[in-house]
Amino acid sequence: MQLEEEAAAAALRRLRRAQGQLAGVIRMLEDSRDCRDVVTQLAAVSSALDRAGFTIVASGLRQCLNDPDGEFDQKELEKLFLALA
């Protein structure tokens, strides 16, 4: 399954944002910042990663629905969804 260009670009934006947020979390830990602040930023990183994954899976699902040859397997898509659960 080839990722659609638009979906790949959206996923990359989210992953770059998550990368910056993760670097911030690391700095916060190194600077002994308040636990609540660290957890809040860590949750933002987690959410950005989840959204990137969902963007990729949604692109695959869209391709599956538009696939006249039935190339995509339902079990494969289920496995992708469960990997993000």
PDB file of N, CA and C in Angstrom:
ATOM      1  N   MET A   1       0.851  -1.166   0.000  1.00  0.00           N
ATOM      2  CA  MET A   1       0.000   0.000   0.000  1.00  0.00           C
ATOM      3  C   MET A   1       0.901   1.234   0.000  1.00  0.00           C
ATOM      4  N   GLN A   2       0.721   2.093  -0.961  1.00  0.00           N
ATOM      5  CA  GLN A   2       1.496   3.320  -1.081  1.00  0.00           C
ATOM      6  C   GLN A   2       0.725   4.451  -0.414  1.00  0.00           C
ATOM      7  N   LEU A   3       1.371   5.200   0.445  1.00  0.00           N
ATOM      8  CA  LEU A   3       0.735   6.297   1.159  1.00  0.00           C
ATOM      9  C   LEU A   3       0.486   7.463   0.207  1.00  0.00           C
ATOM     10  N   GLU A   4      -0.729   8.016   0.268  1.00  0.00           N
ATOM     11  CA  GLU A   4      -1.062   9.169  -0.566  1.00  0.00           C
ATOM     12  C   GLU A   4      -0.174  10.348  -0.192  1.00  0.00           C
ATOM     13  N   GLU A   5       0.197  11.155  -1.167  1.00  0.00           N
ATOM     14  CA  GLU A   5       1.115  12.271  -0.960  1.00  0.00           C
ATOM     15  C   GLU A   5       0.585  13.254   0.090  1.00  0.00           C
ATOM     16  N   GLU A   6      -0.688  13.580   0.011  1.00  0.00           N
ATOM     17  CA  GLU A   6      -1.286  14.525   0.959  1.00  0.00           C
ATOM     18  C   GLU A   6      -1.275  13.963   2.382  1.00  0.00           C
ATOM     19  N   ALA A   7      -1.587  12.690   2.522  1.00  0.00           N
ATOM     20  CA  ALA A   7      -1.582  12.044   3.839  1.00  0.00           C
ATOM     21  C   ALA A   7      -0.167  11.962   4.394  1.00  0.00           C
ATOM     22  N   ALA A   8       0.790  11.676   3.535  1.00  0.00           N
ATOM     23  CA  ALA A   8       2.185  11.609   3.979  1.00  0.00           C
ATOM     24  C   ALA A   8       2.652  12.971   4.474  1.00  0.00           C
ATOM     25  N   ALA A   9       2.287  14.021   3.752  1.00  0.00           N
ATOM     26  CA  ALA A   9       2.682  15.371   4.159  1.00  0.00           C
ATOM     27  C   ALA A   9       2.054  15.734   5.504  1.00  0.00           C
ATOM     28  N   ALA A  10       0.787  15.394   5.693  1.00  0.00           N
ATOM     29  CA  ALA A  10       0.109  15.680   6.964  1.00  0.00           C
ATOM     30  C   ALA A  10       0.755  14.899   8.103  1.00  0.00           C
ATOM     31  N   ALA A  11       1.062  13.639   7.864  1.00  0.00           N
ATOM     32  CA  ALA A  11       1.702  12.811   8.892  1.00  0.00           C
ATOM     33  C   ALA A  11       3.088  13.362   9.231  1.00  0.00           C
ATOM     34  N   LEU A  12       3.833  13.772   8.223  1.00  0.00           N
ATOM     35  CA  LEU A  12       5.162  14.332   8.472  1.00  0.00           C
ATOM     36  C   LEU A  12       5.091  15.617   9.301  1.00  0.00           C
ATOM     37  N   ARG A  13       4.109  16.476   9.022  1.00  0.00           N
ATOM     38  CA  ARG A  13       3.943  17.696   9.822  1.00  0.00           C
ATOM     39  C   ARG A  13       3.690  17.351  11.283  1.00  0.00           C
ATOM     40  N   ARG A  14       2.805  16.394  11.501  1.00  0.00           N
ATOM     41  CA  ARG A  14       2.494  16.000  12.880  1.00  0.00           C
ATOM     42  C   ARG A  14       3.704  15.365  13.568  1.00  0.00           C
ATOM     43  N   LEU A  15       4.445  14.552  12.838  1.00  0.00           N
ATOM     44  CA  LEU A  15       5.617  13.906  13.422  1.00  0.00           C
ATOM     45  C   LEU A  15       6.715  14.914  13.743  1.00  0.00           C
ATOM     46  N   ARG A  16       6.876  15.908  12.897  1.00  0.00           N
ATOM     47  CA  ARG A  16       7.872  16.959  13.182  1.00  0.00           C
ATOM     48  C   ARG A  16       7.455  17.770  14.411  1.00  0.00           C
ATOM     49  N   ARG A  17       6.161  18.035  14.523  1.00  0.00           N
ATOM     50  CA  ARG A  17       5.656  18.733  15.703  1.00  0.00           C
ATOM     51  C   ARG A  17       5.912  17.885  16.946  1.00  0.00           C
ATOM     52  N   ALA A  18       5.630  16.595  16.857  1.00  0.00           N
ATOM     53  CA  ALA A  18       5.854  15.689  17.986  1.00  0.00           C
ATOM     54  C   ALA A  18       7.338  15.632  18.340  1.00  0.00           C
ATOM     55  N   GLN A  19       8.186  15.654  17.326  1.00  0.00           N
ATOM     56  CA  GLN A  19       9.623  15.622  17.566  1.00  0.00           C
ATOM     57  C   GLN A  19      10.054  16.854  18.369  1.00  0.00           C
ATOM     58  N   GLY A  20       9.538  18.014  18.014  1.00  0.00           N
ATOM     59  CA  GLY A  20       9.854  19.241  18.747  1.00  0.00           C
ATOM     60  C   GLY A  20       9.308  19.197  20.169  1.00  0.00           C
ATOM     61  N   GLN A  21       8.080  18.688  20.311  1.00  0.00           N
ATOM     62  CA  GLN A  21       7.496  18.574  21.634  1.00  0.00           C
ATOM     63  C   GLN A  21       8.282  17.594  22.496  1.00  0.00           C
ATOM     64  N   LEU A  22       8.725  16.489  21.916  1.00  0.00           N
ATOM     65  CA  LEU A  22       9.506  15.509  22.667  1.00  0.00           C
ATOM     66  C   LEU A  22      10.834  16.104  23.120  1.00  0.00           C
ATOM     67  N   ALA A  23      11.472  16.873  22.262  1.00  0.00           N
ATOM     68  CA  ALA A  23      12.711  17.555  22.652  1.00  0.00           C
ATOM     69  C   ALA A  23      12.439  18.494  23.828  1.00  0.00           C
ATOM     70  N   GLY A  24      11.275  19.139  23.801  1.00  0.00           N
ATOM     71  CA  GLY A  24      10.897  20.015  24.909  1.00  0.00           C
ATOM     72  C   GLY A  24      10.705  19.239  26.202  1.00  0.00           C
ATOM     73  N   VAL A  25      10.086  18.070  26.109  1.00  0.00           N
ATOM     74  CA  VAL A  25       9.884  17.229  27.294  1.00  0.00           C
ATOM     75  C   VAL A  25      11.236  16.809  27.871  1.00  0.00           C
ATOM     76  N   ILE A  26      12.148  16.435  27.013  1.00  0.00           N
ATOM     77  CA  ILE A  26      13.480  16.034  27.475  1.00  0.00           C
ATOM     78  C   ILE A  26      14.157  17.196  28.197  1.00  0.00           C
ATOM     79  N   ARG A  27      14.074  18.397  27.624  1.00  0.00           N
ATOM     80  CA  ARG A  27      14.663  19.570  28.273  1.00  0.00           C
ATOM     81  C   ARG A  27      13.999  19.841  29.620  1.00  0.00           C
ATOM     82  N   MET A  28      12.669  19.672  29.649  1.00  0.00           N
ATOM     83  CA  MET A  28      11.948  19.895  30.903  1.00  0.00           C
ATOM     84  C   MET A  28      12.426  18.936  31.989  1.00  0.00           C
ATOM     85  N   LEU A  29      12.629  17.682  31.630  1.00  0.00           N
ATOM     86  CA  LEU A  29      13.118  16.703  32.600  1.00  0.00           C
ATOM     87  C   LEU A  29      14.540  17.035  33.044  1.00  0.00           C
ATOM     88  N   GLU A  30      15.375  17.439  32.098  1.00  0.00           N
ATOM     89  CA  GLU A  30      16.749  17.809  32.432  1.00  0.00           C
ATOM     90  C   GLU A  30      16.792  19.028  33.351  1.00  0.00           C
ATOM     91  N   ASP A  31      15.806  19.914  33.205  1.00  0.00           N
ATOM     92  CA  ASP A  31      15.732  21.121  34.025  1.00  0.00           C
ATOM     93  C   ASP A  31      14.910  20.929  35.298  1.00  0.00           C
ATOM     94  N   SER A  32      14.515  19.683  35.563  1.00  0.00           N
ATOM     95  CA  SER A  32      13.715  19.343  36.756  1.00  0.00           C
ATOM     96  C   SER A  32      12.433  20.180  36.857  1.00  0.00           C
ATOM     97  N   ARG A  33      11.741  20.311  35.743  1.00  0.00           N
ATOM     98  CA  ARG A  33      10.488  21.068  35.731  1.00  0.00           C
ATOM     99  C   ARG A  33       9.397  20.310  36.466  1.00  0.00           C
ATOM    100  N   ASP A  34       8.337  21.030  36.791  1.00  0.00           N
ATOM    101  CA  ASP A  34       7.210  20.468  37.522  1.00  0.00           C
ATOM    102  C   ASP A  34       6.615  19.269  36.781  1.00  0.00           C
ATOM    103  N   CYS A  35       6.275  18.250  37.537  1.00  0.00           N
ATOM    104  CA  CYS A  35       5.743  17.004  36.984  1.00  0.00           C
ATOM    105  C   CYS A  35       4.490  17.247  36.137  1.00  0.00           C
ATOM    106  N   ARG A  36       3.604  18.116  36.602  1.00  0.00           N
ATOM    107  CA  ARG A  36       2.369  18.375  35.840  1.00  0.00           C
ATOM    108  C   ARG A  36       2.670  18.948  34.467  1.00  0.00           C
ATOM    109  N   ASP A  37       3.643  19.852  34.389  1.00  0.00           N
ATOM    110  CA  ASP A  37       4.014  20.437  33.101  1.00  0.00           C
ATOM    111  C   ASP A  37       4.597  19.383  32.158  1.00  0.00           C
ATOM    112  N   VAL A  38       5.428  18.513  32.719  1.00  0.00           N
ATOM    113  CA  VAL A  38       6.050  17.447  31.919  1.00  0.00           C
ATOM    114  C   VAL A  38       4.980  16.507  31.383  1.00  0.00           C
ATOM    115  N   VAL A  39       4.060  16.095  32.243  1.00  0.00           N
ATOM    116  CA  VAL A  39       3.011  15.163  31.826  1.00  0.00           C
ATOM    117  C   VAL A  39       2.112  15.806  30.772  1.00  0.00           C
ATOM    118  N   THR A  40       1.809  17.076  30.922  1.00  0.00           N
ATOM    119  CA  THR A  40       0.982  17.774  29.933  1.00  0.00           C
ATOM    120  C   THR A  40       1.658  17.771  28.564  1.00  0.00           C
ATOM    121  N   GLN A  41       2.947  18.055  28.531  1.00  0.00           N
ATOM    122  CA  GLN A  41       3.672  18.054  27.256  1.00  0.00           C
ATOM    123  C   GLN A  41       3.831  16.648  26.700  1.00  0.00           C
ATOM    124  N   LEU A  42       4.025  15.681  27.573  1.00  0.00           N
ATOM    125  CA  LEU A  42       4.131  14.293  27.129  1.00  0.00           C
ATOM    126  C   LEU A  42       2.816  13.824  26.512  1.00  0.00           C
ATOM    127  N   ALA A  43       1.700  14.256  27.082  1.00  0.00           N
ATOM    128  CA  ALA A  43       0.390  13.922  26.503  1.00  0.00           C
ATOM    129  C   ALA A  43       0.242  14.548  25.118  1.00  0.00           C
ATOM    130  N   ALA A  44       0.766  15.753  24.934  1.00  0.00           N
ATOM    131  CA  ALA A  44       0.707  16.405  23.621  1.00  0.00           C
ATOM    132  C   ALA A  44       1.529  15.623  22.593  1.00  0.00           C
ATOM    133  N   VAL A  45       2.689  15.115  23.008  1.00  0.00           N
ATOM    134  CA  VAL A  45       3.518  14.297  22.116  1.00  0.00           C
ATOM    135  C   VAL A  45       2.758  13.033  21.716  1.00  0.00           C
ATOM    136  N   SER A  46       2.174  12.384  22.700  1.00  0.00           N
ATOM    137  CA  SER A  46       1.431  11.155  22.448  1.00  0.00           C
ATOM    138  C   SER A  46       0.275  11.401  21.480  1.00  0.00           C
ATOM    139  N   SER A  47      -0.441  12.491  21.682  1.00  0.00           N
ATOM    140  CA  SER A  47      -1.560  12.827  20.806  1.00  0.00           C
ATOM    141  C   SER A  47      -1.092  13.091  19.377  1.00  0.00           C
ATOM    142  N   ALA A  48       0.020  13.799  19.229  1.00  0.00           N
ATOM    143  CA  ALA A  48       0.550  14.083  17.890  1.00  0.00           C
ATOM    144  C   ALA A  48       0.952  12.792  17.182  1.00  0.00           C
ATOM    145  N   LEU A  49       1.545  11.858  17.914  1.00  0.00           N
ATOM    146  CA  LEU A  49       1.918  10.568  17.314  1.00  0.00           C
ATOM    147  C   LEU A  49       0.684   9.773  16.908  1.00  0.00           C
ATOM    148  N   ASP A  50      -0.332   9.768  17.786  1.00  0.00           N
ATOM    149  CA  ASP A  50      -1.575   9.069  17.465  1.00  0.00           C
ATOM    150  C   ASP A  50      -2.214   9.642  16.211  1.00  0.00           C
ATOM    151  N   ARG A  51      -2.272  10.951  16.123  1.00  0.00           N
ATOM    152  CA  ARG A  51      -2.894  11.594  14.966  1.00  0.00           C
ATOM    153  C   ARG A  51      -2.131  11.288  13.680  1.00  0.00           C
ATOM    154  N   ALA A  52      -0.828  11.243  13.754  1.00  0.00           N
ATOM    155  CA  ALA A  52      -0.037  10.882  12.566  1.00  0.00           C
ATOM    156  C   ALA A  52      -0.368   9.455  12.140  1.00  0.00           C
ATOM    157  N   GLY A  53      -0.449   8.552  13.093  1.00  0.00           N
ATOM    158  CA  GLY A  53      -0.793   7.169  12.781  1.00  0.00           C
ATOM    159  C   GLY A  53      -2.185   7.044  12.197  1.00  0.00           C
ATOM    160  N   PHE A  54      -3.137   7.763  12.776  1.00  0.00           N
ATOM    161  CA  PHE A  54      -4.505   7.707  12.269  1.00  0.00           C
ATOM    162  C   PHE A  54      -4.595   8.277  10.864  1.00  0.00           C
ATOM    163  N   THR A  55      -3.813   9.305  10.577  1.00  0.00           N
ATOM    164  CA  THR A  55      -3.788   9.874   9.226  1.00  0.00           C
ATOM    165  C   THR A  55      -3.315   8.826   8.220  1.00  0.00           C
ATOM    166  N   ILE A  56      -2.302   8.088   8.594  1.00  0.00           N
ATOM    167  CA  ILE A  56      -1.753   7.055   7.711  1.00  0.00           C
ATOM    168  C   ILE A  56      -2.765   5.930   7.503  1.00  0.00           C
ATOM    169  N   VAL A  57      -3.387   5.473   8.594  1.00  0.00           N
ATOM    170  CA  VAL A  57      -4.372   4.387   8.489  1.00  0.00           C
ATOM    171  C   VAL A  57      -5.595   4.852   7.689  1.00  0.00           C
ATOM    172  N   ALA A  58      -6.039   6.080   7.918  1.00  0.00           N
ATOM    173  CA  ALA A  58      -7.198   6.596   7.182  1.00  0.00           C
ATOM    174  C   ALA A  58      -6.905   6.662   5.688  1.00  0.00           C
ATOM    175  N   SER A  59      -5.681   7.013   5.337  1.00  0.00           N
ATOM    176  CA  SER A  59      -5.296   7.038   3.927  1.00  0.00           C
ATOM    177  C   SER A  59      -5.381   5.638   3.329  1.00  0.00           C
ATOM    178  N   GLY A  60      -4.913   4.659   4.089  1.00  0.00           N
ATOM    179  CA  GLY A  60      -4.996   3.273   3.620  1.00  0.00           C
ATOM    180  C   GLY A  60      -6.428   2.815   3.455  1.00  0.00           C
ATOM    181  N   LEU A  61      -7.277   3.214   4.393  1.00  0.00           N
ATOM    182  CA  LEU A  61      -8.690   2.851   4.306  1.00  0.00           C
ATOM    183  C   LEU A  61      -9.340   3.494   3.083  1.00  0.00           C
ATOM    184  N   ARG A  62      -9.007   4.742   2.825  1.00  0.00           N
ATOM    185  CA  ARG A  62      -9.551   5.430   1.647  1.00  0.00           C
ATOM    186  C   ARG A  62      -9.118   4.710   0.375  1.00  0.00           C
ATOM    187  N   GLN A  63      -7.864   4.306   0.326  1.00  0.00           N
ATOM    188  CA  GLN A  63      -7.374   3.566  -0.839  1.00  0.00           C
ATOM    189  C   GLN A  63      -8.105   2.232  -0.984  1.00  0.00           C
ATOM    190  N   CYS A  64      -8.341   1.587   0.147  1.00  0.00           N
ATOM    191  CA  CYS A  64      -9.036   0.293   0.134  1.00  0.00           C
ATOM    192  C   CYS A  64     -10.440   0.450  -0.437  1.00  0.00           C
ATOM    193  N   LEU A  65     -11.127   1.501  -0.017  1.00  0.00           N
ATOM    194  CA  LEU A  65     -12.491   1.723  -0.477  1.00  0.00           C
ATOM    195  C   LEU A  65     -12.551   2.066  -1.960  1.00  0.00           C
ATOM    196  N   ASN A  66     -11.480   2.638  -2.464  1.00  0.00           N
ATOM    197  CA  ASN A  66     -11.430   3.028  -3.876  1.00  0.00           C
ATOM    198  C   ASN A  66     -10.716   1.993  -4.746  1.00  0.00           C
ATOM    199  N   ASP A  67     -10.437   0.817  -4.190  1.00  0.00           N
ATOM    200  CA  ASP A  67      -9.675  -0.204  -4.904  1.00  0.00           C
ATOM    201  C   ASP A  67     -10.614  -1.158  -5.638  1.00  0.00           C
ATOM    202  N   PRO A  68     -10.754  -1.006  -6.940  1.00  0.00           N
ATOM    203  CA  PRO A  68     -11.674  -1.865  -7.673  1.00  0.00           C
ATOM    204  C   PRO A  68     -11.212  -3.327  -7.776  1.00  0.00           C
ATOM    205  N   ASP A  69      -9.917  -3.564  -7.621  1.00  0.00           N
ATOM    206  CA  ASP A  69      -9.385  -4.921  -7.755  1.00  0.00           C
ATOM    207  C   ASP A  69      -9.410  -5.703  -6.446  1.00  0.00           C
ATOM    208  N   GLY A  70      -9.790  -5.048  -5.351  1.00  0.00           N
ATOM    209  CA  GLY A  70      -9.836  -5.728  -4.061  1.00  0.00           C
ATOM    210  C   GLY A  70      -8.466  -6.165  -3.574  1.00  0.00           C
ATOM    211  N   GLU A  71      -7.447  -5.352  -3.846  1.00  0.00           N
ATOM    212  CA  GLU A  71      -6.068  -5.686  -3.497  1.00  0.00           C
ATOM    213  C   GLU A  71      -5.827  -5.669  -1.984  1.00  0.00           C
ATOM    214  N   PHE A  72      -6.583  -4.833  -1.250  1.00  0.00           N
ATOM    215  CA  PHE A  72      -6.352  -4.695   0.177  1.00  0.00           C
ATOM    216  C   PHE A  72      -7.170  -5.706   0.958  1.00  0.00           C
ATOM    217  N   ASP A  73      -6.572  -6.241   1.976  1.00  0.00           N
ATOM    218  CA  ASP A  73      -7.169  -7.277   2.787  1.00  0.00           C
ATOM    219  C   ASP A  73      -7.745  -6.654   4.064  1.00  0.00           C
ATOM    220  N   GLN A  74      -8.947  -7.046   4.443  1.00  0.00           N
ATOM    221  CA  GLN A  74      -9.594  -6.513   5.639  1.00  0.00           C
ATOM    222  C   GLN A  74      -8.755  -6.798   6.884  1.00  0.00           C
ATOM    223  N   LYS A  75      -8.185  -7.981   6.962  1.00  0.00           N
ATOM    224  CA  LYS A  75      -7.369  -8.331   8.128  1.00  0.00           C
ATOM    225  C   LYS A  75      -6.137  -7.428   8.238  1.00  0.00           C
ATOM    226  N   GLU A  76      -5.579  -7.044   7.115  1.00  0.00           N
ATOM    227  CA  GLU A  76      -4.430  -6.151   7.113  1.00  0.00           C
ATOM    228  C   GLU A  76      -4.823  -4.787   7.684  1.00  0.00           C
ATOM    229  N   LEU A  77      -5.975  -4.268   7.263  1.00  0.00           N
ATOM    230  CA  LEU A  77      -6.439  -2.984   7.789  1.00  0.00           C
ATOM    231  C   LEU A  77      -6.769  -3.088   9.283  1.00  0.00           C
ATOM    232  N   GLU A  78      -7.378  -4.187   9.708  1.00  0.00           N
ATOM    233  CA  GLU A  78      -7.671  -4.386  11.120  1.00  0.00           C
ATOM    234  C   GLU A  78      -6.383  -4.378  11.930  1.00  0.00           C
ATOM    235  N   LYS A  79      -5.361  -5.026  11.411  1.00  0.00           N
ATOM    236  CA  LYS A  79      -4.084  -5.082  12.093  1.00  0.00           C
ATOM    237  C   LYS A  79      -3.478  -3.683  12.244  1.00  0.00           C
ATOM    238  N   LEU A  80      -3.607  -2.854  11.201  1.00  0.00           N
ATOM    239  CA  LEU A  80      -3.111  -1.491  11.283  1.00  0.00           C
ATOM    240  C   LEU A  80      -3.840  -0.687  12.356  1.00  0.00           C
ATOM    241  N   PHE A  81      -5.179  -0.809  12.372  1.00  0.00           N
ATOM    242  CA  PHE A  81      -5.962  -0.109  13.381  1.00  0.00           C
ATOM    243  C   PHE A  81      -5.585  -0.562  14.786  1.00  0.00           C
ATOM    244  N   LEU A  82      -5.447  -1.861  14.974  1.00  0.00           N
ATOM    245  CA  LEU A  82      -5.116  -2.385  16.299  1.00  0.00           C
ATOM    246  C   LEU A  82      -3.713  -2.000  16.750  1.00  0.00           C
ATOM    247  N   ALA A  83      -2.828  -1.780  15.808  1.00  0.00           N
ATOM    248  CA  ALA A  83      -1.479  -1.359  16.164  1.00  0.00           C
ATOM    249  C   ALA A  83      -1.496   0.000  16.835  1.00  0.00           C
ATOM    250  N   LEU A  84      -2.497   0.809  16.543  1.00  0.00           N
ATOM    251  CA  LEU A  84      -2.597   2.146  17.146  1.00  0.00           C
ATOM    252  C   LEU A  84      -3.449   2.166  18.418  1.00  0.00           C
ATOM    253  N   ALA A  85      -4.122   1.062  18.699  1.00  0.00           N
ATOM    254  CA  ALA A  85      -5.018   1.037  19.852  1.00  0.00           C
ATOM    255  C   ALA A  85      -4.260   0.957  21.159  1.00  0.00           C
TER     256      ALA A  85
END
